[in-house]
C-alpha atoms as a PDB file:
ATOM      1  CA  MET A   1       0.000   0.000   0.000  1.00  0.00           C
ATOM      2  CA  ASP A   2       1.168   3.471  -0.830  1.00  0.00           C
ATOM      3  CA  ILE A   3       1.317   5.425   2.437  1.00  0.00           C
ATOM      4  CA  ALA A   4       0.457   8.749   0.762  1.00  0.00           C
ATOM      5  CA  LYS A   5      -2.790   7.324  -0.681  1.00  0.00           C
ATOM      6  CA  LEU A   6      -3.691   5.732   2.653  1.00  0.00           C
ATOM      7  CA  GLU A   7      -3.068   9.023   4.448  1.00  0.00           C
ATOM      8  CA  LYS A   8      -5.266  10.773   1.872  1.00  0.00           C
ATOM      9  CA  ILE A   9      -8.108   8.298   2.470  1.00  0.00           C
ATOM     10  CA  ILE A  10      -7.748   8.666   6.252  1.00  0.00           C
ATOM     11  CA  GLY A  11      -7.827  12.463   5.900  1.00  0.00           C
ATOM     12  CA  GLU A  12     -10.936  12.346   3.736  1.00  0.00           C
ATOM     13  CA  VAL A  13     -12.746  10.032   6.170  1.00  0.00           C
ATOM     14  CA  ASN A  14     -11.773  12.315   9.051  1.00  0.00           C
ATOM     15  CA  ASP A  15     -12.952  15.430   7.167  1.00  0.00           C
ATOM     16  CA  GLU A  16     -16.291  13.788   6.345  1.00  0.00           C
ATOM     17  CA  LEU A  17     -16.738  12.809   9.992  1.00  0.00           C
ATOM     18  CA  TYR A  18     -16.110  16.375  11.138  1.00  0.00           C
ATOM     19  CA  ASP A  19     -18.449  17.748   8.475  1.00  0.00           C
ATOM     20  CA  LYS A  20     -21.395  15.526   9.403  1.00  0.00           C
ATOM     21  CA  ASP A  21     -21.011  14.485  13.052  1.00  0.00           C
ATOM     22  CA  LEU A  22     -18.675  16.926  14.757  1.00  0.00           C
ATOM     23  CA  THR A  23     -20.247  20.254  13.910  1.00  0.00           C
ATOM     24  CA  SER A  24     -20.784  22.677  16.768  1.00  0.00           C
ATOM     25  CA  GLU A  25     -24.541  22.181  16.437  1.00  0.00           C
ATOM     26  CA  LYS A  26     -24.307  18.389  16.743  1.00  0.00           C
ATOM     27  CA  ILE A  27     -21.909  18.588  19.688  1.00  0.00           C
ATOM     28  CA  THR A  28     -24.182  21.093  21.433  1.00  0.00           C
ATOM     29  CA  GLU A  29     -27.158  18.763  20.949  1.00  0.00           C
ATOM     30  CA  ARG A  30     -25.249  15.846  22.490  1.00  0.00           C
ATOM     31  CA  LEU A  31     -23.878  18.040  25.270  1.00  0.00           C
ATOM     32  CA  ASN A  32     -27.432  18.899  26.315  1.00  0.00           C
ATOM     33  CA  ASP A  33     -27.841  15.299  27.483  1.00  0.00           C
ATOM     34  CA  TYR A  34     -25.166  15.876  30.137  1.00  0.00           C
ATOM     35  CA  GLN A  35     -26.480  19.171  31.536  1.00  0.00           C
ATOM     36  CA  ASP A  36     -28.526  19.508  34.689  1.00  0.00           C
ATOM     37  CA  GLU A  37     -31.881  21.316  34.750  1.00  0.00           C
ATOM     38  CA  ASN A  38     -30.031  24.668  35.007  1.00  0.00           C
ATOM     39  CA  GLY A  39     -27.887  23.991  31.939  1.00  0.00           C
ATOM     40  CA  ARG A  40     -24.762  23.334  33.982  1.00  0.00           C
ATOM     41  CA  ILE A  41     -22.362  20.449  33.660  1.00  0.00           C
ATOM     42  CA  ASP A  42     -20.475  19.091  36.648  1.00  0.00           C
ATOM     43  CA  ILE A  43     -17.028  17.546  36.359  1.00  0.00           C
ATOM     44  CA  ASN A  44     -18.334  13.977  36.308  1.00  0.00           C
ATOM     45  CA  SER A  45     -20.764  14.761  33.510  1.00  0.00           C
ATOM     46  CA  ALA A  46     -18.069  16.619  31.564  1.00  0.00           C
ATOM     47  CA  LEU A  47     -15.768  13.602  31.829  1.00  0.00           C
ATOM     48  CA  ALA A  48     -18.583  11.241  30.838  1.00  0.00           C
ATOM     49  CA  PHE A  49     -19.313  13.433  27.816  1.00  0.00           C
ATOM     50  CA  ALA A  50     -15.653  13.518  26.777  1.00  0.00           C
ATOM     51  CA  MET A  51     -15.301   9.746  27.160  1.00  0.00           C
ATOM     52  CA  GLN A  52     -18.464   9.090  25.156  1.00  0.00           C
ATOM     53  CA  GLU A  53     -17.408  11.485  22.400  1.00  0.00           C
ATOM     54  CA  SER A  54     -14.035   9.766  22.211  1.00  0.00           C
ATOM     55  CA  ARG A  55     -15.628   6.329  21.932  1.00  0.00           C
ATOM     56  CA  ASP A  56     -18.137   7.547  19.348  1.00  0.00           C
ATOM     57  CA  TYR A  57     -15.451   9.222  17.229  1.00  0.00           C
ATOM     58  CA  THR A  58     -13.224   6.131  17.307  1.00  0.00           C
ATOM     59  CA  THR A  59     -16.075   3.780  16.461  1.00  0.00           C
ATOM     60  CA  ILE A  60     -17.506   5.914  13.653  1.00  0.00           C
ATOM     61  CA  PHE A  61     -14.064   6.682  12.205  1.00  0.00           C
ATOM     62  CA  THR A  62     -13.032   3.013  12.199  1.00  0.00           C
ATOM     63  CA  HIS A  63     -16.341   1.958  10.650  1.00  0.00           C
ATOM     64  CA  ASP A  64     -16.203   4.608   7.927  1.00  0.00           C
ATOM     65  CA  LEU A  65     -12.549   3.901   7.147  1.00  0.00           C
ATOM     66  CA  LEU A  66     -13.148   0.168   6.829  1.00  0.00           C
ATOM     67  CA  ILE A  67     -16.178   0.741   4.597  1.00  0.00           C
ATOM     68  CA  ARG A  68     -14.128   3.078   2.401  1.00  0.00           C
ATOM     69  CA  LEU A  69     -11.260   0.578   2.119  1.00  0.00           C
ATOM     70  CA  ILE A  70     -13.693  -2.247   1.338  1.00  0.00           C
ATOM     71  CA  ASP A  71     -15.541  -0.142  -1.253  1.00  0.00           C
ATOM     72  CA  GLU A  72     -12.273   0.652  -3.000  1.00  0.00           C
ATOM     73  CA  GLY A  73     -11.186  -3.015  -2.912  1.00  0.00           C
ATOM     74  CA  TYR A  74      -8.189  -2.672  -0.624  1.00  0.00           C
ATOM     75  CA  LEU A  75      -9.355  -5.215   1.947  1.00  0.00           C
ATOM     76  CA  ILE A  76     -10.524  -7.659  -0.714  1.00  0.00           C
ATOM     77  CA  ASP A  77      -7.230  -7.473  -2.627  1.00  0.00           C
ATOM     78  CA  PRO A  78      -4.469  -6.495  -0.151  1.00  0.00           C
ATOM     79  CA  ASP A  79      -1.888  -6.441  -2.958  1.00  0.00           C
ATOM     80  CA  LYS A  80      -3.789  -3.705  -4.793  1.00  0.00           C
ATOM     81  CA  ASP A  81      -1.789  -0.529  -5.011  1.00  0.00           C
ATOM     82  CA  LEU A  82      -3.377   2.345  -3.193  1.00  0.00           C
END
């Protein structure tokens, strides 16, 4: 595999993830789930939010990257040049 092509694919997947799931509006919507009735977030809730966001990003990124590599035939034919 050509490392430059792989890095390009990874960058594109990351950009798409930021464009659709990591906008300020989407993050604000998810953050609302961790606020108390006064709109405040305590340290435990802030940590829970950060941990969940990290897990979600990793899971979605890995899924999207694998789908992209499969769609382009790189996991079906590992000898294919990127």
